[in-house]
Amino acid sequence: MRDSTPNGPAIRTPRGRRLMVLAALAGLAAAPTLLAADTVTFANPDARSNANAGNAMILSNAFRSVAETLRPSVVQIISIDHPPFAGGEGRGARPNRNQIPEQFRDLLPENPRNGPDANQRQPDRMGQGTGVIATADGLVITNNHVIAGADEVKILLHDGRETTATVIGADPATDLAVLRIDASDLVAAKFGDSDESQVGDWVIALGSPFGLSQTVTAGIVSALGREGMGLATFENYIQTDAAINPGNSGGPLANIYGEVIGINSAISSATGGNDGIGFAIPSRMVQRIVNDLATDGTVERGWLGVNIQPLDEELAASFGHDTRSGVLVAGVLDGTPAASAGLEPGDIVLNINGRRTDTPAGLARRIADFTPDTAVSLEFLRNGERLTRTAVLGVRPGSESTTEVEEAPEPETPSLGLELAPLDETMRREAELASETGLFVKGVLADGPAAAAGIEPGDAIIRINGLEPTSIGDFQGVLDGLEPDQTIRLLIERRGMTRFILVETGD
């Protein structure tokens, strides 16, 4: 066929192109014989020969294996709070969110109220998270904050089945909870030992981020033993850069063998999404808490009965200790395992049962890991001498002890910028103090050495350079014997907690 133009030569259109245009206009797929040069074909798997891909495929296959192994054990949790809501809080409002430091997120997604009409019946508040099946008979592990305050808890299994869960027990101190479901053909996850994990190990997170169930992400162990985050009473987190997001709460963090080594609990995020810093409760802690909760719904923890504080270099030196290792005993409560074992304020605890402890949080967690009536060996320093004592742990009390009543004071002159009086029952009651002897801080000069060291009105001074003062004269006598610019060490109590403070006396 020929086409002509008014002012130019005729143009011949190739036959093949016209056929393809016609096929396209007819809405048909062009025949392979006509488009052989333009079709997409799949590679023959048997012909792949890139040796460099070998190691990557081994890792890829390992990830596949973990996903296939664990997916049947991972469930989506829907927690439902029916109105009226206690205290105005509910699942959609994230219970206790104001207790979580601003940079941390608890992984529970926001679920704003439904419906614009304020006159409508207030809808249920709903939150979602993740859980992992721990036993074939229906125990499910998740975070406490996923189910806290819920009136109803629904479980969505990997195969699409839905069932209702019963809360067996919850432990806010570690943010763990145990549920039970009644369902057949459940696949229990295998748990590994988190103590075997090392920084740099591959890990895989599974869960329902933003409601997207059965999501799998991978990363590495970024750090171990993270504590002091302010997320729970007892913290010992595995930190990971595996992508975890709101909705992952309560889901498993697994090693490359498909063993659960942690329960995902929180992320550090400026935006509320994944910033590459996530935290998981280690399986060692999970095992201890879950076994207790599954037995009777409660957790009993060991208790020593001491007030403790961290050591800085200057405070350690004041006790003749040349490093910051260990935890300083600032107080020993009467009638406690610590008192029976002979611990005293000023002792520096170095290890428990041979395991080193360098932070108050670590010491408290390690003691709490033991069951009551367990005998533990404590190694500590006292006046530069290394000593060992055995303490039989008690039961950690659910609340702190209170104080008592009565009597009258006698104010005295400021020393170190302090206005002091002998401690009496009225002062003890009003300031919530446990100490029966010492000096009460009635006032602190704003520009004095005591204020600079952080002493406040209402504190009690229990010791000054190791001496227990019973009068202002005792206190002043120690000050009079000091050299110019000498640092003084005070043991103070504030609302039932004792700690050592160093005060610079000046010229």
Protein backbone atom coordinates (compact mmCIF):
# COMPACT_ATOMS: atom_id res chain seq x y z
CA MET A 1 0.00 0.00 0.00
CA ARG A 2 1.20 3.45 -0.73
CA ASP A 3 0.38 6.73 1.03
CA SER A 4 0.83 10.03 -0.72
CA THR A 5 1.35 13.55 0.48
CA PRO A 6 0.52 16.68 -1.49
CA ASN A 7 4.09 17.97 -1.68
CA GLY A 8 6.35 14.98 -1.20
CA PRO A 9 7.17 11.49 -2.34
CA ALA A 10 5.00 8.55 -1.48
CA ILE A 11 5.84 6.81 1.86
CA ARG A 12 5.72 2.99 2.14
CA THR A 13 4.50 1.66 5.50
CA PRO A 14 6.08 -1.68 6.53
CA ARG A 15 3.50 -4.45 6.55
CA GLY A 16 4.53 -5.82 9.96
CA ARG A 17 4.00 -2.47 11.70
CA ARG A 18 0.54 -2.09 10.20
CA LEU A 19 -0.42 -5.54 11.41
CA MET A 20 0.73 -4.70 14.95
CA VAL A 21 -1.24 -1.44 14.95
CA LEU A 22 -4.35 -3.28 13.83
CA ALA A 23 -3.88 -5.88 16.56
CA ALA A 24 -3.52 -3.19 19.18
CA LEU A 25 -6.61 -1.36 17.94
CA ALA A 26 -8.54 -4.60 18.12
CA GLY A 27 -7.50 -5.02 21.77
CA LEU A 28 -5.64 -8.22 21.00
CA ALA A 29 -2.26 -9.42 22.16
CA ALA A 30 0.19 -9.51 19.30
CA ALA A 31 1.20 -13.01 18.30
CA PRO A 32 4.63 -14.09 19.54
CA THR A 33 5.77 -14.73 16.02
CA LEU A 34 5.13 -11.11 15.17
CA LEU A 35 6.75 -9.66 18.36
CA ALA A 36 9.51 -12.09 19.03
CA ALA A 37 12.07 -9.34 19.48
CA ASP A 38 9.93 -7.47 22.04
CA THR A 39 8.62 -10.24 24.37
CA VAL A 40 9.74 -10.83 27.98
CA THR A 41 10.83 -14.36 28.80
CA PHE A 42 11.80 -16.02 32.10
CA ALA A 43 15.32 -17.26 32.73
CA ASN A 44 15.85 -20.98 32.97
CA PRO A 45 16.67 -21.70 36.65
CA ASP A 46 18.86 -24.62 35.61
CA ALA A 47 21.00 -22.29 33.48
CA ARG A 48 21.89 -19.86 36.31
CA SER A 49 25.65 -19.91 36.80
CA ASN A 50 26.62 -16.73 38.73
CA ALA A 51 28.87 -18.10 41.45
CA ASN A 52 28.88 -14.74 43.24
CA ALA A 53 25.18 -15.16 44.04
CA GLY A 54 25.78 -18.41 45.91
CA ASN A 55 26.33 -16.99 49.40
CA ALA A 56 23.51 -14.49 48.99
CA MET A 57 21.15 -17.32 48.05
CA ILE A 58 22.16 -19.25 51.16
CA LEU A 59 21.15 -16.26 53.29
CA SER A 60 17.98 -15.72 51.25
CA ASN A 61 17.01 -19.35 51.73
CA ALA A 62 17.62 -19.01 55.47
CA PHE A 63 15.23 -16.04 55.63
CA ARG A 64 12.66 -18.03 53.64
CA SER A 65 12.99 -20.94 56.03
CA VAL A 66 12.48 -18.71 59.09
CA ALA A 67 9.39 -17.13 57.54
CA GLU A 68 7.89 -20.51 56.60
CA THR A 69 8.65 -21.91 60.05
CA LEU A 70 7.33 -19.02 62.15
CA ARG A 71 4.40 -17.60 60.19
CA PRO A 72 1.96 -20.27 61.43
CA SER A 73 2.91 -19.31 65.02
CA VAL A 74 2.37 -15.55 64.61
CA VAL A 75 -1.08 -14.10 65.29
CA GLN A 76 -2.69 -10.70 64.93
CA ILE A 77 -4.31 -9.33 68.09
CA ILE A 78 -7.29 -6.98 68.09
CA SER A 79 -7.99 -5.48 71.52
CA ILE A 80 -11.40 -3.89 72.01
CA ASP A 81 -12.41 -1.39 74.68
CA HIS A 82 -16.17 -0.82 74.99
CA PRO A 83 -17.53 2.52 76.19
CA PRO A 84 -17.68 3.99 78.75
CA PHE A 85 -13.88 4.20 78.88
CA ALA A 86 -12.19 4.13 82.27
CA GLY A 87 -10.45 7.46 82.89
CA GLY A 88 -11.08 8.46 79.29
CA GLU A 89 -8.46 5.98 78.14
CA GLY A 90 -8.83 3.03 75.83
CA ARG A 91 -7.01 0.89 73.36
CA GLY A 92 -7.16 3.57 70.67
CA ALA A 93 -5.59 6.08 73.04
CA ARG A 94 -2.68 3.81 73.94
CA PRO A 95 -2.89 3.25 77.70
CA ASN A 96 -0.07 4.76 79.72
CA ARG A 97 1.32 6.54 76.64
CA ASN A 98 2.13 9.58 78.79
CA GLN A 99 4.46 7.39 80.86
CA ILE A 100 6.52 6.55 77.78
CA PRO A 101 9.48 8.86 77.09
CA GLU A 102 8.76 11.07 74.10
CA GLN A 103 11.41 9.53 71.84
CA PHE A 104 10.06 6.01 72.34
CA ARG A 105 6.99 4.45 70.80
CA ASP A 106 5.22 1.37 72.14
CA LEU A 107 4.36 0.06 68.65
CA LEU A 108 0.63 0.16 69.30
CA PRO A 109 -0.91 1.99 66.31
CA GLU A 110 -3.20 4.95 66.69
CA ASN A 111 -6.87 4.23 66.08
CA PRO A 112 -8.80 7.51 66.16
CA ARG A 113 -12.47 7.55 67.06
CA ASN A 114 -14.81 6.65 64.25
CA GLY A 115 -17.55 8.94 63.00
CA PRO A 116 -17.81 12.73 62.99
CA ASP A 117 -21.17 12.94 64.77
CA ALA A 118 -20.61 13.59 68.47
CA ASN A 119 -24.28 12.74 69.11
CA GLN A 120 -23.84 9.21 67.88
CA ARG A 121 -23.19 6.40 70.33
CA GLN A 122 -19.51 6.44 71.16
CA PRO A 123 -17.84 3.63 69.20
CA ASP A 124 -15.55 0.98 70.62
CA ARG A 125 -11.89 1.82 70.79
CA MET A 126 -9.72 -0.73 69.08
CA GLY A 127 -6.01 -1.38 68.99
CA GLN A 128 -3.95 -3.96 67.23
CA GLY A 129 -0.74 -5.80 67.92
CA THR A 130 0.93 -9.13 67.43
CA GLY A 131 1.36 -12.31 69.46
CA VAL A 132 3.27 -15.55 69.19
CA ILE A 133 1.84 -18.99 69.95
CA ALA A 134 4.00 -20.50 72.72
CA THR A 135 2.31 -23.88 73.23
CA ALA A 136 0.22 -26.15 71.06
CA ASP A 137 -2.58 -26.07 73.65
CA GLY A 138 -3.14 -22.33 73.11
CA LEU A 139 -0.84 -20.11 75.19
CA VAL A 140 -0.09 -16.87 73.34
CA ILE A 141 2.57 -14.34 74.39
CA THR A 142 2.27 -10.62 73.69
CA ASN A 143 3.01 -7.24 75.31
CA ASN A 144 1.02 -6.05 78.30
CA HIS A 145 0.41 -2.71 76.61
CA VAL A 146 -1.30 -4.47 73.69
CA ILE A 147 -4.11 -5.83 75.88
CA ALA A 148 -4.07 -3.52 78.93
CA GLY A 149 -7.55 -2.18 79.65
CA ALA A 150 -9.22 -4.18 76.88
CA ASP A 151 -12.72 -5.56 77.48
CA GLU A 152 -12.33 -8.09 74.69
CA VAL A 153 -9.35 -9.60 72.85
CA LYS A 154 -9.68 -11.16 69.40
CA ILE A 155 -7.03 -13.34 67.77
CA LEU A 156 -6.61 -13.75 64.01
CA LEU A 157 -4.66 -16.89 63.13
CA HIS A 158 -2.40 -17.17 60.11
CA ASP A 159 -4.97 -19.29 58.23
CA GLY A 160 -7.73 -16.70 58.60
CA ARG A 161 -9.53 -18.22 61.60
CA GLU A 162 -10.72 -15.83 64.31
CA THR A 163 -11.10 -16.65 67.99
CA THR A 164 -11.51 -14.90 71.34
CA ALA A 165 -8.64 -14.91 73.85
CA THR A 166 -8.69 -15.06 77.63
CA VAL A 167 -6.05 -13.06 79.52
CA ILE A 168 -4.24 -15.49 81.84
CA GLY A 169 -1.96 -12.89 83.40
CA ALA A 170 -0.01 -9.71 82.73
CA ASP A 171 3.18 -8.22 84.13
CA PRO A 172 3.48 -4.45 83.59
CA ALA A 173 6.95 -4.49 85.19
CA THR A 174 8.32 -6.27 82.09
CA ASP A 175 5.47 -5.41 79.67
CA LEU A 176 4.57 -9.05 79.05
CA ALA A 177 1.17 -10.76 78.97
CA VAL A 178 -0.05 -14.32 78.47
CA LEU A 179 -3.33 -15.18 76.70
CA ARG A 180 -5.09 -18.46 76.07
CA ILE A 181 -7.08 -19.43 72.97
CA ASP A 182 -9.17 -22.50 72.24
CA ALA A 183 -8.32 -23.63 68.74
CA SER A 184 -7.10 -26.78 67.01
CA ASP A 185 -4.00 -27.42 64.92
CA LEU A 186 -1.96 -24.68 66.54
CA VAL A 187 1.74 -24.48 65.71
CA ALA A 188 3.92 -23.47 68.67
CA ALA A 189 7.04 -21.43 68.00
CA LYS A 190 10.41 -22.68 69.18
CA PHE A 191 12.27 -20.43 71.60
CA GLY A 192 16.04 -19.96 71.56
CA ASP A 193 18.37 -18.70 74.29
CA SER A 194 18.81 -14.94 74.01
CA ASP A 195 22.03 -15.19 76.02
CA GLU A 196 23.62 -16.82 72.96
CA SER A 197 22.87 -13.81 70.77
CA GLN A 198 25.72 -11.50 69.83
CA VAL A 199 25.89 -8.04 68.31
CA GLY A 200 25.92 -8.40 64.53
CA ASP A 201 23.77 -11.56 64.40
CA TRP A 202 21.04 -11.64 61.77
CA VAL A 203 17.51 -11.42 63.18
CA ILE A 204 14.03 -11.54 61.65
CA ALA A 205 10.96 -9.69 62.97
CA LEU A 206 7.44 -10.92 62.26
CA GLY A 207 4.17 -9.16 62.98
CA SER A 208 1.31 -6.98 61.81
CA PRO A 209 2.74 -3.47 61.29
CA PHE A 210 -0.07 -1.02 60.48
CA GLY A 211 -2.42 -4.03 60.36
CA LEU A 212 -0.46 -5.74 57.57
CA SER A 213 -0.45 -9.26 59.01
CA GLN A 214 2.29 -11.82 58.40
CA THR A 215 4.90 -9.17 57.58
CA VAL A 216 8.53 -10.30 57.71
CA THR A 217 11.55 -7.97 57.99
CA ALA A 218 15.22 -8.61 58.68
CA GLY A 219 18.16 -6.85 60.29
CA ILE A 220 20.87 -7.45 62.86
CA VAL A 221 21.30 -7.34 66.61
CA SER A 222 22.50 -3.76 67.14
CA ALA A 223 23.15 -3.94 70.90
CA LEU A 224 22.42 -6.10 73.94
CA GLY A 225 21.41 -5.29 77.51
CA ARG A 226 19.80 -1.92 76.84
CA GLU A 227 18.34 -0.53 80.06
CA GLY A 228 17.32 2.79 81.58
CA MET A 229 14.87 3.54 78.75
CA GLY A 230 12.00 4.26 81.11
CA LEU A 231 9.71 1.84 79.28
CA ALA A 232 9.33 -0.76 82.05
CA THR A 233 10.52 -1.40 85.59
CA PHE A 234 12.87 -4.21 84.53
CA GLU A 235 14.66 -3.64 81.22
CA ASN A 236 17.29 -5.69 79.41
CA TYR A 237 16.42 -5.10 75.77
CA ILE A 238 17.85 -6.54 72.59
CA GLN A 239 18.27 -3.59 70.22
CA THR A 240 17.78 -4.25 66.51
CA ASP A 241 17.61 -2.37 63.21
CA ALA A 242 15.11 -4.86 61.74
CA ALA A 243 12.18 -2.77 60.52
CA ILE A 244 9.47 -2.86 63.19
CA ASN A 245 6.57 -0.43 63.27
CA PRO A 246 3.26 0.21 65.06
CA GLY A 247 1.43 -3.11 65.13
CA ASN A 248 4.59 -5.18 65.67
CA SER A 249 4.16 -5.02 69.46
CA GLY A 250 4.20 -8.50 70.98
CA GLY A 251 5.55 -10.19 67.87
CA PRO A 252 8.63 -12.42 67.74
CA LEU A 253 12.21 -11.47 66.99
CA ALA A 254 13.86 -14.64 65.70
CA ASN A 255 17.40 -15.78 65.03
CA ILE A 256 18.55 -17.23 61.73
CA TYR A 257 17.50 -20.72 62.92
CA GLY A 258 13.88 -19.65 63.33
CA GLU A 259 14.04 -19.63 67.13
CA VAL A 260 12.31 -16.81 68.99
CA ILE A 261 14.93 -14.85 70.98
CA GLY A 262 12.81 -11.81 71.84
CA ILE A 263 9.37 -10.19 71.94
CA ASN A 264 9.25 -6.87 70.08
CA SER A 265 8.15 -4.14 72.47
CA ALA A 266 9.12 -0.57 71.47
CA ILE A 267 10.92 1.63 68.98
CA SER A 268 12.88 4.84 69.27
CA SER A 269 11.43 7.15 66.68
CA ALA A 270 11.05 10.84 65.94
CA THR A 271 8.15 10.16 63.58
CA GLY A 272 6.33 7.18 65.11
CA GLY A 273 7.60 4.91 62.33
CA ASN A 274 10.71 2.81 61.90
CA ASP A 275 13.98 4.71 62.40
CA GLY A 276 16.12 1.59 62.69
CA ILE A 277 16.11 1.40 66.50
CA GLY A 278 13.80 -1.22 67.95
CA PHE A 279 13.76 -3.02 71.28
CA ALA A 280 12.78 -6.61 72.11
CA ILE A 281 12.41 -8.31 75.49
CA PRO A 282 14.97 -11.17 75.55
CA SER A 283 13.68 -14.75 75.60
CA ARG A 284 15.46 -15.48 78.91
CA MET A 285 13.27 -12.89 80.62
CA VAL A 286 10.21 -13.97 78.63
CA GLN A 287 10.58 -17.60 79.70
CA ARG A 288 10.80 -16.75 83.41
CA ILE A 289 7.84 -14.34 83.39
CA VAL A 290 5.58 -16.35 81.09
CA ASN A 291 6.06 -19.57 83.09
CA ASP A 292 5.06 -17.74 86.27
CA LEU A 293 2.04 -16.08 84.65
CA ALA A 294 0.88 -19.34 83.08
CA THR A 295 1.01 -21.06 86.49
CA ASP A 296 -1.14 -18.70 88.57
CA GLY A 297 -1.32 -15.35 86.75
CA THR A 298 1.25 -13.67 89.01
CA VAL A 299 5.01 -13.15 89.15
CA GLU A 300 7.05 -13.47 92.36
CA ARG A 301 10.44 -11.81 92.35
CA GLY A 302 13.42 -11.96 94.66
CA TRP A 303 14.13 -8.97 96.91
CA LEU A 304 17.26 -7.85 98.72
CA GLY A 305 16.08 -4.74 100.57
CA VAL A 306 18.65 -2.09 99.67
CA ASN A 307 18.69 1.41 98.23
CA ILE A 308 21.33 1.59 95.52
CA GLN A 309 22.89 4.21 93.27
CA PRO A 310 25.45 4.37 90.45
CA LEU A 311 29.10 5.19 91.02
CA ASP A 312 30.84 8.06 89.28
CA GLU A 313 34.60 8.43 89.39
CA GLU A 314 34.62 11.02 92.17
CA LEU A 315 32.17 9.15 94.39
CA ALA A 316 34.07 5.88 93.89
CA ALA A 317 37.32 7.60 94.88
CA SER A 318 35.74 8.85 98.11
CA PHE A 319 35.34 5.18 99.10
CA GLY A 320 38.88 4.29 98.04
CA HIS A 321 37.65 2.56 94.88
CA ASP A 322 39.70 3.32 91.77
CA THR A 323 37.12 2.37 89.11
CA ARG A 324 33.42 2.95 88.46
CA SER A 325 32.64 -0.78 88.46
CA GLY A 326 30.02 -1.95 90.91
CA VAL A 327 26.87 -0.50 92.47
CA LEU A 328 26.88 1.61 95.63
CA VAL A 329 24.65 0.57 98.53
CA ALA A 330 23.09 3.80 99.81
CA GLY A 331 20.79 2.23 102.39
CA VAL A 332 19.84 -1.10 103.96
CA LEU A 333 16.28 -1.60 105.19
CA ASP A 334 15.82 -3.17 108.62
CA GLY A 335 14.76 -6.79 108.76
CA THR A 336 15.53 -7.47 105.10
CA PRO A 337 17.73 -10.14 103.46
CA ALA A 338 20.42 -7.47 102.93
CA ALA A 339 20.44 -6.61 106.64
CA SER A 340 20.61 -10.31 107.58
CA ALA A 341 23.53 -10.78 105.19
CA GLY A 342 25.41 -7.89 106.86
CA LEU A 343 25.37 -5.35 104.02
CA GLU A 344 25.92 -1.73 105.06
CA PRO A 345 25.57 1.69 103.41
CA GLY A 346 28.81 2.42 101.59
CA ASP A 347 29.37 -1.16 100.43
CA ILE A 348 30.03 -1.48 96.69
CA VAL A 349 28.42 -4.60 95.19
CA LEU A 350 30.65 -6.02 92.46
CA ASN A 351 28.86 -9.20 91.41
CA ILE A 352 25.97 -11.53 92.15
CA ASN A 353 26.64 -15.26 91.91
CA GLY A 354 29.84 -14.41 90.06
CA ARG A 355 28.12 -12.24 87.43
CA ARG A 356 29.37 -8.66 87.32
CA THR A 357 26.88 -5.86 87.92
CA ASP A 358 27.66 -2.20 87.18
CA THR A 359 24.31 -0.42 87.19
CA PRO A 360 21.50 -0.12 89.74
CA ALA A 361 18.97 -1.23 87.11
CA GLY A 362 21.08 -4.27 86.31
CA LEU A 363 21.44 -5.22 89.97
CA ALA A 364 17.72 -4.80 90.64
CA ARG A 365 16.81 -6.84 87.56
CA ARG A 366 19.26 -9.61 88.41
CA ILE A 367 17.90 -9.92 91.95
CA ALA A 368 14.32 -9.87 90.62
CA ASP A 369 15.19 -12.70 88.21
CA PHE A 370 15.60 -15.04 91.18
CA THR A 371 12.65 -16.58 92.97
CA PRO A 372 12.12 -15.78 96.66
CA ASP A 373 14.04 -17.97 99.15
CA THR A 374 16.94 -18.33 96.70
CA ALA A 375 20.39 -18.03 98.31
CA VAL A 376 22.66 -15.74 96.31
CA SER A 377 26.33 -14.91 96.76
CA LEU A 378 27.17 -11.20 96.93
CA GLU A 379 30.73 -9.97 96.43
CA PHE A 380 31.35 -6.38 97.52
CA LEU A 381 33.96 -3.89 98.65
CA ARG A 382 33.96 -2.34 102.11
CA ASN A 383 36.68 0.17 102.96
CA GLY A 384 38.81 -1.28 100.18
CA GLU A 385 38.44 -4.87 101.40
CA ARG A 386 36.77 -7.46 99.14
CA LEU A 387 34.12 -9.45 101.04
CA THR A 388 31.55 -12.13 100.20
CA ARG A 389 28.21 -12.72 101.89
CA THR A 390 25.25 -15.00 101.20
CA ALA A 391 21.75 -13.53 101.20
CA VAL A 392 18.52 -15.52 101.15
CA LEU A 393 16.17 -13.40 99.06
CA GLY A 394 12.73 -12.36 100.23
CA VAL A 395 9.59 -11.56 98.23
CA ARG A 396 9.67 -8.23 96.44
CA PRO A 397 6.92 -6.10 98.01
CA GLY A 398 4.16 -4.78 95.78
CA SER A 399 4.41 -1.32 97.30
CA GLU A 400 6.89 0.67 99.28
CA SER A 401 6.74 0.74 103.07
CA THR A 402 5.28 3.78 104.85
CA THR A 403 6.29 5.70 107.99
CA GLU A 404 4.99 6.60 111.50
CA VAL A 405 4.13 9.61 113.72
CA GLU A 406 4.81 12.27 116.54
CA GLU A 407 6.96 15.02 118.37
CA ALA A 408 8.93 18.40 118.06
CA PRO A 409 12.15 20.02 116.61
CA GLU A 410 14.88 22.55 117.43
CA PRO A 411 16.23 24.56 114.42
CA GLU A 412 19.92 25.42 114.12
CA THR A 413 22.38 27.55 112.20
CA PRO A 414 23.20 27.00 108.52
CA SER A 415 26.25 24.88 107.65
CA LEU A 416 27.25 24.35 104.00
CA GLY A 417 24.23 26.57 103.33
CA LEU A 418 21.93 24.25 105.32
CA GLU A 419 19.37 24.94 108.03
CA LEU A 420 19.24 21.74 110.08
CA ALA A 421 17.26 20.24 112.95
CA PRO A 422 17.37 16.85 114.70
CA LEU A 423 15.00 14.46 112.95
CA ASP A 424 11.73 13.78 114.76
CA GLU A 425 8.55 11.83 114.08
CA THR A 426 6.61 14.81 112.71
CA MET A 427 9.36 15.54 110.18
CA ARG A 428 9.58 11.87 109.25
CA ARG A 429 5.84 11.68 108.60
CA GLU A 430 5.58 14.89 106.60
CA ALA A 431 8.68 14.19 104.49
CA GLU A 432 7.90 10.45 104.05
CA LEU A 433 11.23 9.46 105.61
CA ALA A 434 12.10 5.98 106.90
CA SER A 435 15.24 6.89 108.88
CA GLU A 436 14.79 7.16 112.65
CA THR A 437 18.00 9.13 113.32
CA GLY A 438 19.83 11.91 111.54
CA LEU A 439 19.38 15.59 110.75
CA PHE A 440 16.44 17.13 108.94
CA VAL A 441 17.11 19.73 106.22
CA LYS A 442 14.72 22.61 106.97
CA GLY A 443 16.20 25.03 104.44
CA VAL A 444 18.91 25.34 101.78
CA LEU A 445 20.63 28.58 100.75
CA ALA A 446 20.20 29.03 97.00
CA ASP A 447 23.86 29.89 96.38
CA GLY A 448 25.42 27.54 98.96
CA PRO A 449 27.51 24.35 98.46
CA ALA A 450 24.64 22.08 99.56
CA ALA A 451 22.28 23.52 96.93
CA ALA A 452 24.95 23.10 94.26
CA ALA A 453 25.23 19.42 95.23
CA GLY A 454 21.47 18.93 94.88
CA ILE A 455 20.35 18.78 98.50
CA GLU A 456 16.75 19.93 99.00
CA PRO A 457 14.52 20.94 101.93
CA GLY A 458 12.85 17.83 103.33
CA ASP A 459 15.97 15.66 102.91
CA ALA A 460 17.45 13.89 105.92
CA ILE A 461 21.22 13.65 106.45
CA ILE A 462 21.94 10.15 107.73
CA ARG A 463 25.75 10.18 107.59
CA ILE A 464 28.53 12.70 107.14
CA ASN A 465 31.88 11.18 106.11
CA GLY A 466 30.78 7.86 107.61
CA LEU A 467 29.64 9.36 110.96
CA GLU A 468 25.98 9.10 111.99
CA PRO A 469 25.13 12.58 113.34
CA THR A 470 22.55 12.78 116.13
CA SER A 471 22.98 16.51 116.74
CA ILE A 472 24.01 19.67 114.94
CA GLY A 473 27.18 19.57 117.03
CA ASP A 474 28.15 16.21 115.52
CA PHE A 475 27.67 17.63 112.04
CA GLN A 476 29.60 20.83 112.75
CA GLY A 477 32.40 18.89 114.43
CA VAL A 478 33.07 16.99 111.20
CA LEU A 479 33.05 20.23 109.22
CA ASP A 480 35.47 21.89 111.64
CA GLY A 481 37.98 19.09 111.13
CA LEU A 482 38.10 19.45 107.34
CA GLU A 483 40.95 20.92 105.32
CA PRO A 484 40.14 23.86 102.99
CA ASP A 485 38.56 22.75 99.69
CA GLN A 486 38.01 19.24 101.03
CA THR A 487 35.05 17.30 99.62
CA ILE A 488 32.53 15.97 102.12
CA ARG A 489 30.40 12.87 101.59
CA LEU A 490 26.80 12.88 102.83
CA LEU A 491 24.32 10.02 102.92
CA ILE A 492 20.88 11.57 102.52
CA GLU A 493 17.34 10.24 102.41
CA ARG A 494 14.61 11.72 100.24
CA ARG A 495 11.08 10.32 100.49
CA GLY A 496 12.23 6.88 101.55
CA MET A 497 15.20 6.59 99.14
CA THR A 498 18.80 7.04 100.29
CA ARG A 499 21.82 8.05 98.24
CA PHE A 500 25.34 9.41 98.67
CA ILE A 501 26.12 13.00 97.63
CA LEU A 502 29.49 14.76 97.47
CA VAL A 503 29.59 18.41 98.57
CA GLU A 504 32.44 20.80 97.76
CA THR A 505 33.08 22.78 100.95
CA GLY A 506 35.00 25.64 99.31
CA ASP A 507 37.64 27.79 101.04
